[in-house]
Amino acid sequence: MTIHVLGGSTSEEKANKTHLVQTLRYNTIPDGELLDNLGLFLTRQTLSRINFMQELYGKILHTHGSIMEFGVRWGQNLALFSALRGMHEPFNYNRQIIGFDTFSGFPSVDEKDGAQVKTGDYAVSENWKQTLETILSFHEQNSPIAHKKKVHLVEGDATQTLPDYLNRHPETMIALAYFDFDIYQPTKVCLEAILPHLTKGSIIAFDELNCEAFPGETLAVKEVLGLSRYAIKRSVHSPLTSYIVID
């Protein structure tokens, strides 16, 4: 997930956010109650993103297929999708959730990505993938049919790992594909790769369309899907997130 602050942040805004982070990190809420009170620390922007994921999930409840996220980073969306499945369709073990990421930042960038992005941007901390696996396992154990693994992380350059995954799982149908790569090449390659696995009612969602800082994502969509073929709908609560429905 990429977080953008449009127009930059004032010193006061940065200080307020830092204070909230420190309050979360060093709060005195008992461990047994902390997870039940995380709403204290959700910003308006974060809550808007959560609501958007809920909106997307609601649109695929009657669409067969798995969920794929392209660009996992810290993994919040995967955890949300796992929790939403447990809420809305707890016995649908067929709905696999698969996340693709290098966990070491952009493996390369294209000239179409502009000058603001660099190779290695948006890396996560060392061994975070293992930490994320533990978190996602908790969410699976907290839902019905816990003995069936339904959330998977695929590490590596998705331009290579996605075709390999689809070759090993030719039965794959995709109900929701969430693109948060930010950059041109992996967005284009993975869009092309998933097209034969979509069905009517499938959703493709994007994190950075029409975003000056990350032009590559929009250029990839223009080349693979075209901008006039589908209605590109945006979240009313976010300036960037958007989606299309395959019809």
C-alpha atoms as a PDB file:
ATOM      1  CA  MET A   1       0.000   0.000   0.000  1.00  0.00           C
ATOM      2  CA  THR A   2       1.290   3.438  -0.942  1.00  0.00           C
ATOM      3  CA  ILE A   3       0.283   6.395   1.205  1.00  0.00           C
ATOM      4  CA  HIS A   4       0.219   9.783  -0.497  1.00  0.00           C
ATOM      5  CA  VAL A   5      -0.122  13.159   1.156  1.00  0.00           C
ATOM      6  CA  LEU A   6      -1.369  15.460  -1.563  1.00  0.00           C
ATOM      7  CA  GLY A   7       0.353  18.803  -1.538  1.00  0.00           C
ATOM      8  CA  GLY A   8       2.661  17.765   1.284  1.00  0.00           C
ATOM      9  CA  SER A   9       2.139  17.945   5.027  1.00  0.00           C
ATOM     10  CA  THR A  10       2.563  20.948   7.250  1.00  0.00           C
ATOM     11  CA  SER A  11       4.925  20.741  10.188  1.00  0.00           C
ATOM     12  CA  GLU A  12       1.928  20.718  12.522  1.00  0.00           C
ATOM     13  CA  GLU A  13       0.297  17.824  10.643  1.00  0.00           C
ATOM     14  CA  LYS A  14       3.515  15.803  10.757  1.00  0.00           C
ATOM     15  CA  ALA A  15       3.937  16.507  14.459  1.00  0.00           C
ATOM     16  CA  ASN A  16       0.344  15.473  15.192  1.00  0.00           C
ATOM     17  CA  LYS A  17       0.778  12.227  13.288  1.00  0.00           C
ATOM     18  CA  THR A  18       4.054  11.482  15.058  1.00  0.00           C
ATOM     19  CA  HIS A  19       2.360  12.080  18.402  1.00  0.00           C
ATOM     20  CA  LEU A  20      -0.435   9.651  17.513  1.00  0.00           C
ATOM     21  CA  VAL A  21       2.104   7.027  16.433  1.00  0.00           C
ATOM     22  CA  GLN A  22       3.971   7.389  19.712  1.00  0.00           C
ATOM     23  CA  THR A  23       0.719   7.156  21.654  1.00  0.00           C
ATOM     24  CA  LEU A  24      -0.069   3.891  19.879  1.00  0.00           C
ATOM     25  CA  ARG A  25       3.419   2.499  20.354  1.00  0.00           C
ATOM     26  CA  TYR A  26       3.651   3.314  24.059  1.00  0.00           C
ATOM     27  CA  ASN A  27       0.002   3.294  25.136  1.00  0.00           C
ATOM     28  CA  THR A  28      -1.071   1.763  28.438  1.00  0.00           C
ATOM     29  CA  ILE A  29      -4.127  -0.150  27.177  1.00  0.00           C
ATOM     30  CA  PRO A  30      -3.862  -3.728  28.505  1.00  0.00           C
ATOM     31  CA  ASP A  31      -2.684  -6.281  25.947  1.00  0.00           C
ATOM     32  CA  GLY A  32      -5.975  -8.138  26.207  1.00  0.00           C
ATOM     33  CA  GLU A  33      -7.869  -5.029  25.104  1.00  0.00           C
ATOM     34  CA  LEU A  34      -5.490  -3.389  22.616  1.00  0.00           C
ATOM     35  CA  LEU A  35      -6.711  -5.110  19.434  1.00  0.00           C
ATOM     36  CA  ASP A  36     -10.303  -4.275  20.362  1.00  0.00           C
ATOM     37  CA  ASN A  37      -9.465  -0.581  20.569  1.00  0.00           C
ATOM     38  CA  LEU A  38      -7.406   0.044  17.452  1.00  0.00           C
ATOM     39  CA  GLY A  39     -10.185   2.320  16.196  1.00  0.00           C
ATOM     40  CA  LEU A  40      -8.691   4.950  18.510  1.00  0.00           C
ATOM     41  CA  PHE A  41      -5.737   5.227  16.166  1.00  0.00           C
ATOM     42  CA  LEU A  42      -7.380   4.969  12.753  1.00  0.00           C
ATOM     43  CA  THR A  43      -7.070   8.157  10.761  1.00  0.00           C
ATOM     44  CA  ARG A  44      -9.795   9.312   8.407  1.00  0.00           C
ATOM     45  CA  GLN A  45      -7.623   8.279   5.453  1.00  0.00           C
ATOM     46  CA  THR A  46      -7.006   4.776   6.796  1.00  0.00           C
ATOM     47  CA  LEU A  47     -10.664   4.242   7.600  1.00  0.00           C
ATOM     48  CA  SER A  48     -11.553   5.382   4.071  1.00  0.00           C
ATOM     49  CA  ARG A  49      -9.257   2.707   2.633  1.00  0.00           C
ATOM     50  CA  ILE A  50     -10.793   0.045   4.842  1.00  0.00           C
ATOM     51  CA  ASN A  51     -14.255   1.099   3.699  1.00  0.00           C
ATOM     52  CA  PHE A  52     -13.103   0.894   0.074  1.00  0.00           C
ATOM     53  CA  MET A  53     -11.868  -2.682   0.569  1.00  0.00           C
ATOM     54  CA  GLN A  54     -15.214  -3.535   2.162  1.00  0.00           C
ATOM     55  CA  GLU A  55     -16.996  -1.992  -0.831  1.00  0.00           C
ATOM     56  CA  LEU A  56     -14.924  -4.020  -3.291  1.00  0.00           C
ATOM     57  CA  TYR A  57     -15.437  -7.242  -1.383  1.00  0.00           C
ATOM     58  CA  GLY A  58     -19.177  -6.720  -1.314  1.00  0.00           C
ATOM     59  CA  LYS A  59     -19.194  -6.489  -5.111  1.00  0.00           C
ATOM     60  CA  ILE A  60     -17.632  -9.948  -5.597  1.00  0.00           C
ATOM     61  CA  LEU A  61     -19.678 -11.961  -3.096  1.00  0.00           C
ATOM     62  CA  HIS A  62     -21.603 -13.635  -5.918  1.00  0.00           C
ATOM     63  CA  THR A  63     -18.650 -13.821  -8.306  1.00  0.00           C
ATOM     64  CA  HIS A  64     -16.689 -17.061  -8.346  1.00  0.00           C
ATOM     65  CA  GLY A  65     -12.916 -16.922  -8.089  1.00  0.00           C
ATOM     66  CA  SER A  66      -9.925 -15.909  -6.032  1.00  0.00           C
ATOM     67  CA  ILE A  67      -8.543 -12.562  -4.887  1.00  0.00           C
ATOM     68  CA  MET A  68      -5.097 -11.443  -6.009  1.00  0.00           C
ATOM     69  CA  GLU A  69      -3.165  -8.432  -4.823  1.00  0.00           C
ATOM     70  CA  PHE A  70      -0.242  -7.157  -6.836  1.00  0.00           C
ATOM     71  CA  GLY A  71       1.989  -5.146  -4.528  1.00  0.00           C
ATOM     72  CA  VAL A  72       1.473  -6.309  -0.944  1.00  0.00           C
ATOM     73  CA  ARG A  73       4.070  -4.293   0.940  1.00  0.00           C
ATOM     74  CA  TRP A  74       3.166  -4.487   4.670  1.00  0.00           C
ATOM     75  CA  GLY A  75       0.121  -6.642   3.898  1.00  0.00           C
ATOM     76  CA  GLN A  76      -2.785  -4.709   5.373  1.00  0.00           C
ATOM     77  CA  ASN A  77      -5.066  -5.332   2.398  1.00  0.00           C
ATOM     78  CA  LEU A  78      -4.470  -9.087   2.548  1.00  0.00           C
ATOM     79  CA  ALA A  79      -5.371  -9.105   6.235  1.00  0.00           C
ATOM     80  CA  LEU A  80      -8.509  -7.092   5.473  1.00  0.00           C
ATOM     81  CA  PHE A  81      -9.544  -9.449   2.677  1.00  0.00           C
ATOM     82  CA  SER A  82      -9.026 -12.426   4.979  1.00  0.00           C
ATOM     83  CA  ALA A  83     -11.127 -10.814   7.711  1.00  0.00           C
ATOM     84  CA  LEU A  84     -13.840  -9.813   5.212  1.00  0.00           C
ATOM     85  CA  ARG A  85     -14.042 -13.354   3.909  1.00  0.00           C
ATOM     86  CA  GLY A  86     -14.459 -14.571   7.491  1.00  0.00           C
ATOM     87  CA  MET A  87     -17.278 -12.064   7.967  1.00  0.00           C
ATOM     88  CA  HIS A  88     -19.184 -12.380   4.705  1.00  0.00           C
ATOM     89  CA  GLU A  89     -18.554 -15.926   3.474  1.00  0.00           C
ATOM     90  CA  PRO A  90     -16.839 -17.883   6.250  1.00  0.00           C
ATOM     91  CA  PHE A  91     -17.254 -21.257   4.575  1.00  0.00           C
ATOM     92  CA  ASN A  92     -16.073 -20.249   1.107  1.00  0.00           C
ATOM     93  CA  TYR A  93     -12.670 -21.938   1.320  1.00  0.00           C
ATOM     94  CA  ASN A  94     -12.563 -21.862  -2.483  1.00  0.00           C
ATOM     95  CA  ARG A  95     -11.914 -18.099  -2.345  1.00  0.00           C
ATOM     96  CA  GLN A  96      -8.120 -18.129  -2.227  1.00  0.00           C
ATOM     97  CA  ILE A  97      -6.291 -14.872  -1.425  1.00  0.00           C
ATOM     98  CA  ILE A  98      -2.882 -14.553  -3.085  1.00  0.00           C
ATOM     99  CA  GLY A  99      -0.442 -11.687  -2.673  1.00  0.00           C
ATOM    100  CA  PHE A 100       2.534 -10.970  -4.948  1.00  0.00           C
ATOM    101  CA  ASP A 101       5.493  -8.827  -3.886  1.00  0.00           C
ATOM    102  CA  THR A 102       9.275  -8.712  -3.973  1.00  0.00           C
ATOM    103  CA  PHE A 103       9.344  -7.477  -0.333  1.00  0.00           C
ATOM    104  CA  SER A 104      12.535  -5.673  -1.379  1.00  0.00           C
ATOM    105  CA  GLY A 105      11.047  -2.752  -3.295  1.00  0.00           C
ATOM    106  CA  PHE A 106      10.840  -2.097  -7.034  1.00  0.00           C
ATOM    107  CA  PRO A 107      13.116  -4.594  -8.847  1.00  0.00           C
ATOM    108  CA  SER A 108      13.491  -2.075 -11.693  1.00  0.00           C
ATOM    109  CA  VAL A 109      11.761   0.994 -13.090  1.00  0.00           C
ATOM    110  CA  ASP A 110      10.895   2.053 -16.630  1.00  0.00           C
ATOM    111  CA  GLU A 111      11.343   5.489 -18.195  1.00  0.00           C
ATOM    112  CA  LYS A 112       7.529   5.596 -18.344  1.00  0.00           C
ATOM    113  CA  ASP A 113       7.488   5.717 -14.546  1.00  0.00           C
ATOM    114  CA  GLY A 114       8.927   9.216 -14.480  1.00  0.00           C
ATOM    115  CA  ALA A 115      11.755  10.588 -12.413  1.00  0.00           C
ATOM    116  CA  GLN A 116      10.259  10.285  -8.934  1.00  0.00           C
ATOM    117  CA  VAL A 117      10.581   6.498  -8.494  1.00  0.00           C
ATOM    118  CA  LYS A 118      13.781   4.535  -8.057  1.00  0.00           C
ATOM    119  CA  THR A 119      14.771   0.881  -7.986  1.00  0.00           C
ATOM    120  CA  GLY A 120      14.381  -0.421  -4.432  1.00  0.00           C
ATOM    121  CA  ASP A 121      11.703   2.088  -3.419  1.00  0.00           C
ATOM    122  CA  TYR A 122       9.025   0.793  -1.013  1.00  0.00           C
ATOM    123  CA  ALA A 123      11.063  -2.052   0.422  1.00  0.00           C
ATOM    124  CA  VAL A 124       9.893  -3.418   3.771  1.00  0.00           C
ATOM    125  CA  SER A 125      11.962  -4.239   6.829  1.00  0.00           C
ATOM    126  CA  GLU A 126      14.119  -7.344   6.949  1.00  0.00           C
ATOM    127  CA  ASN A 127      12.207 -10.608   7.508  1.00  0.00           C
ATOM    128  CA  TRP A 128       8.853  -8.827   7.264  1.00  0.00           C
ATOM    129  CA  LYS A 129       7.468 -11.555   5.009  1.00  0.00           C
ATOM    130  CA  GLN A 130       7.845 -14.049   7.875  1.00  0.00           C
ATOM    131  CA  THR A 131       6.133 -11.634  10.265  1.00  0.00           C
ATOM    132  CA  LEU A 132       3.315 -11.123   7.786  1.00  0.00           C
ATOM    133  CA  GLU A 133       2.898 -14.893   7.396  1.00  0.00           C
ATOM    134  CA  THR A 134       2.382 -15.109  11.168  1.00  0.00           C
ATOM    135  CA  ILE A 135      -0.192 -12.309  11.148  1.00  0.00           C
ATOM    136  CA  LEU A 136      -2.119 -13.818   8.254  1.00  0.00           C
ATOM    137  CA  SER A 137      -2.037 -17.218   9.954  1.00  0.00           C
ATOM    138  CA  PHE A 138      -3.669 -15.648  13.018  1.00  0.00           C
ATOM    139  CA  HIS A 139      -6.511 -14.335  10.862  1.00  0.00           C
ATOM    140  CA  GLU A 140      -6.984 -17.739   9.257  1.00  0.00           C
ATOM    141  CA  GLN A 141      -7.073 -19.458  12.642  1.00  0.00           C
ATOM    142  CA  ASN A 142      -9.655 -16.902  13.742  1.00  0.00           C
ATOM    143  CA  SER A 143     -12.057 -17.985  10.977  1.00  0.00           C
ATOM    144  CA  PRO A 144     -14.003 -21.177  10.191  1.00  0.00           C
ATOM    145  CA  ILE A 145     -12.321 -24.035   8.311  1.00  0.00           C
ATOM    146  CA  ALA A 146      -9.025 -22.956   9.832  1.00  0.00           C
ATOM    147  CA  HIS A 147      -7.269 -26.180   8.780  1.00  0.00           C
ATOM    148  CA  LYS A 148      -7.421 -25.147   5.103  1.00  0.00           C
ATOM    149  CA  LYS A 149      -4.797 -22.616   4.057  1.00  0.00           C
ATOM    150  CA  LYS A 150      -6.514 -19.901   2.067  1.00  0.00           C
ATOM    151  CA  VAL A 151      -4.015 -17.015   2.082  1.00  0.00           C
ATOM    152  CA  HIS A 152      -0.736 -17.262   0.188  1.00  0.00           C
ATOM    153  CA  LEU A 153       2.260 -14.997  -0.311  1.00  0.00           C
ATOM    154  CA  VAL A 154       4.282 -15.278  -3.506  1.00  0.00           C
ATOM    155  CA  GLU A 155       7.678 -13.628  -3.169  1.00  0.00           C
ATOM    156  CA  GLY A 156       9.659 -12.351  -6.133  1.00  0.00           C
ATOM    157  CA  ASP A 157       9.286 -10.338  -9.316  1.00  0.00           C
ATOM    158  CA  ALA A 158       5.631 -10.850 -10.248  1.00  0.00           C
ATOM    159  CA  THR A 159       6.412 -10.579 -13.968  1.00  0.00           C
ATOM    160  CA  GLN A 160       7.980 -14.009 -13.445  1.00  0.00           C
ATOM    161  CA  THR A 161       6.155 -15.443 -10.424  1.00  0.00           C
ATOM    162  CA  LEU A 162       2.602 -14.751 -11.664  1.00  0.00           C
ATOM    163  CA  PRO A 163       2.962 -16.654 -14.962  1.00  0.00           C
ATOM    164  CA  ASP A 164       4.588 -19.485 -13.016  1.00  0.00           C
ATOM    165  CA  TYR A 165       1.725 -19.496 -10.490  1.00  0.00           C
ATOM    166  CA  LEU A 166      -0.905 -19.559 -13.236  1.00  0.00           C
ATOM    167  CA  ASN A 167       0.917 -22.375 -15.031  1.00  0.00           C
ATOM    168  CA  ARG A 168       0.868 -24.401 -11.811  1.00  0.00           C
ATOM    169  CA  HIS A 169      -2.767 -23.461 -11.128  1.00  0.00           C
ATOM    170  CA  PRO A 170      -4.490 -23.412 -14.532  1.00  0.00           C
ATOM    171  CA  GLU A 171      -7.867 -23.749 -12.783  1.00  0.00           C
ATOM    172  CA  THR A 172      -7.520 -20.221 -11.397  1.00  0.00           C
ATOM    173  CA  MET A 173     -10.437 -17.836 -11.802  1.00  0.00           C
ATOM    174  CA  ILE A 174     -10.004 -14.301 -10.467  1.00  0.00           C
ATOM    175  CA  ALA A 175     -12.901 -12.423  -8.889  1.00  0.00           C
ATOM    176  CA  LEU A 176     -10.833  -9.450  -7.688  1.00  0.00           C
ATOM    177  CA  ALA A 177      -7.390  -8.251  -8.764  1.00  0.00           C
ATOM    178  CA  TYR A 178      -5.991  -5.316  -6.791  1.00  0.00           C
ATOM    179  CA  PHE A 179      -3.075  -3.495  -8.417  1.00  0.00           C
ATOM    180  CA  ASP A 180      -0.750  -1.539  -6.149  1.00  0.00           C
ATOM    181  CA  PHE A 181       2.533  -1.978  -8.009  1.00  0.00           C
ATOM    182  CA  ASP A 182       2.628   1.766  -8.778  1.00  0.00           C
ATOM    183  CA  ILE A 183       4.888   1.227 -11.785  1.00  0.00           C
ATOM    184  CA  TYR A 184       4.532   0.398 -15.475  1.00  0.00           C
ATOM    185  CA  GLN A 185       6.208  -2.913 -16.323  1.00  0.00           C
ATOM    186  CA  PRO A 186       4.791  -5.271 -13.667  1.00  0.00           C
ATOM    187  CA  THR A 187       1.351  -3.670 -13.973  1.00  0.00           C
ATOM    188  CA  LYS A 188       1.294  -4.252 -17.736  1.00  0.00           C
ATOM    189  CA  VAL A 189       2.675  -7.801 -17.614  1.00  0.00           C
ATOM    190  CA  CYS A 190       0.356  -8.921 -14.804  1.00  0.00           C
ATOM    191  CA  LEU A 191      -2.707  -7.286 -16.371  1.00  0.00           C
ATOM    192  CA  GLU A 192      -2.040  -9.206 -19.577  1.00  0.00           C
ATOM    193  CA  ALA A 193      -1.477 -12.435 -17.653  1.00  0.00           C
ATOM    194  CA  ILE A 194      -4.744 -12.324 -15.680  1.00  0.00           C
ATOM    195  CA  LEU A 195      -7.097 -11.444 -18.557  1.00  0.00           C
ATOM    196  CA  PRO A 196      -7.831 -15.085 -19.516  1.00  0.00           C
ATOM    197  CA  HIS A 197      -8.660 -15.823 -15.863  1.00  0.00           C
ATOM    198  CA  LEU A 198     -11.334 -13.139 -15.432  1.00  0.00           C
ATOM    199  CA  THR A 199     -15.066 -13.652 -15.768  1.00  0.00           C
ATOM    200  CA  LYS A 200     -18.063 -11.385 -16.121  1.00  0.00           C
ATOM    201  CA  GLY A 201     -18.399  -9.609 -12.786  1.00  0.00           C
ATOM    202  CA  SER A 202     -14.682  -9.746 -11.979  1.00  0.00           C
ATOM    203  CA  ILE A 203     -13.209  -6.526 -10.602  1.00  0.00           C
ATOM    204  CA  ILE A 204      -9.829  -4.983 -11.328  1.00  0.00           C
ATOM    205  CA  ALA A 205      -8.945  -2.279  -8.813  1.00  0.00           C
ATOM    206  CA  PHE A 206      -6.106   0.222  -8.880  1.00  0.00           C
ATOM    207  CA  ASP A 207      -4.313   2.339  -6.324  1.00  0.00           C
ATOM    208  CA  GLU A 208      -2.660   5.009  -8.469  1.00  0.00           C
ATOM    209  CA  LEU A 209      -4.585   5.715 -11.663  1.00  0.00           C
ATOM    210  CA  ASN A 210      -4.450   9.324 -12.872  1.00  0.00           C
ATOM    211  CA  CYS A 211      -1.610   9.934 -10.411  1.00  0.00           C
ATOM    212  CA  GLU A 212       1.145  12.305 -11.522  1.00  0.00           C
ATOM    213  CA  ALA A 213       3.689  10.730  -9.168  1.00  0.00           C
ATOM    214  CA  PHE A 214       3.180   7.261 -10.700  1.00  0.00           C
ATOM    215  CA  PRO A 215       2.289   7.679 -14.403  1.00  0.00           C
ATOM    216  CA  GLY A 216       3.361   4.134 -15.267  1.00  0.00           C
ATOM    217  CA  GLU A 217       0.278   2.510 -13.777  1.00  0.00           C
ATOM    218  CA  THR A 218      -2.099   4.540 -15.942  1.00  0.00           C
ATOM    219  CA  LEU A 219       0.028   4.009 -19.056  1.00  0.00           C
ATOM    220  CA  ALA A 220      -0.059   0.239 -18.509  1.00  0.00           C
ATOM    221  CA  VAL A 221      -3.851   0.310 -18.187  1.00  0.00           C
ATOM    222  CA  LYS A 222      -4.166   2.408 -21.360  1.00  0.00           C
ATOM    223  CA  GLU A 223      -2.068  -0.087 -23.315  1.00  0.00           C
ATOM    224  CA  VAL A 224      -3.708  -3.274 -22.023  1.00  0.00           C
ATOM    225  CA  LEU A 225      -7.331  -2.307 -21.360  1.00  0.00           C
ATOM    226  CA  GLY A 226      -7.812   1.084 -22.975  1.00  0.00           C
ATOM    227  CA  LEU A 227      -9.435   3.950 -21.103  1.00  0.00           C
ATOM    228  CA  SER A 228     -12.679   4.078 -23.097  1.00  0.00           C
ATOM    229  CA  ARG A 229     -13.660   0.412 -23.024  1.00  0.00           C
ATOM    230  CA  TYR A 230     -14.641   0.283 -19.346  1.00  0.00           C
ATOM    231  CA  ALA A 231     -16.168   2.718 -16.887  1.00  0.00           C
ATOM    232  CA  ILE A 232     -13.419   3.478 -14.389  1.00  0.00           C
ATOM    233  CA  LYS A 233     -15.138   4.165 -11.091  1.00  0.00           C
ATOM    234  CA  ARG A 234     -13.493   5.857  -8.146  1.00  0.00           C
ATOM    235  CA  SER A 235     -13.971   5.678  -4.425  1.00  0.00           C
ATOM    236  CA  VAL A 236     -15.935   8.670  -3.181  1.00  0.00           C
ATOM    237  CA  HIS A 237     -13.712   8.759  -0.097  1.00  0.00           C
ATOM    238  CA  SER A 238     -10.300   8.655  -1.770  1.00  0.00           C
ATOM    239  CA  PRO A 239      -8.659  10.764  -4.482  1.00  0.00           C
ATOM    240  CA  LEU A 240      -6.802   7.843  -6.098  1.00  0.00           C
ATOM    241  CA  THR A 241      -8.373   4.404  -5.611  1.00  0.00           C
ATOM    242  CA  SER A 242     -10.559   3.181  -8.455  1.00  0.00           C
ATOM    243  CA  TYR A 243     -11.928   0.037 -10.079  1.00  0.00           C
ATOM    244  CA  ILE A 244     -13.534  -1.418 -13.168  1.00  0.00           C
ATOM    245  CA  VAL A 245     -16.074  -4.226 -13.434  1.00  0.00           C
ATOM    246  CA  ILE A 246     -15.658  -6.723 -16.263  1.00  0.00           C
ATOM    247  CA  ASP A 247     -18.961  -6.990 -18.113  1.00  0.00           C
END
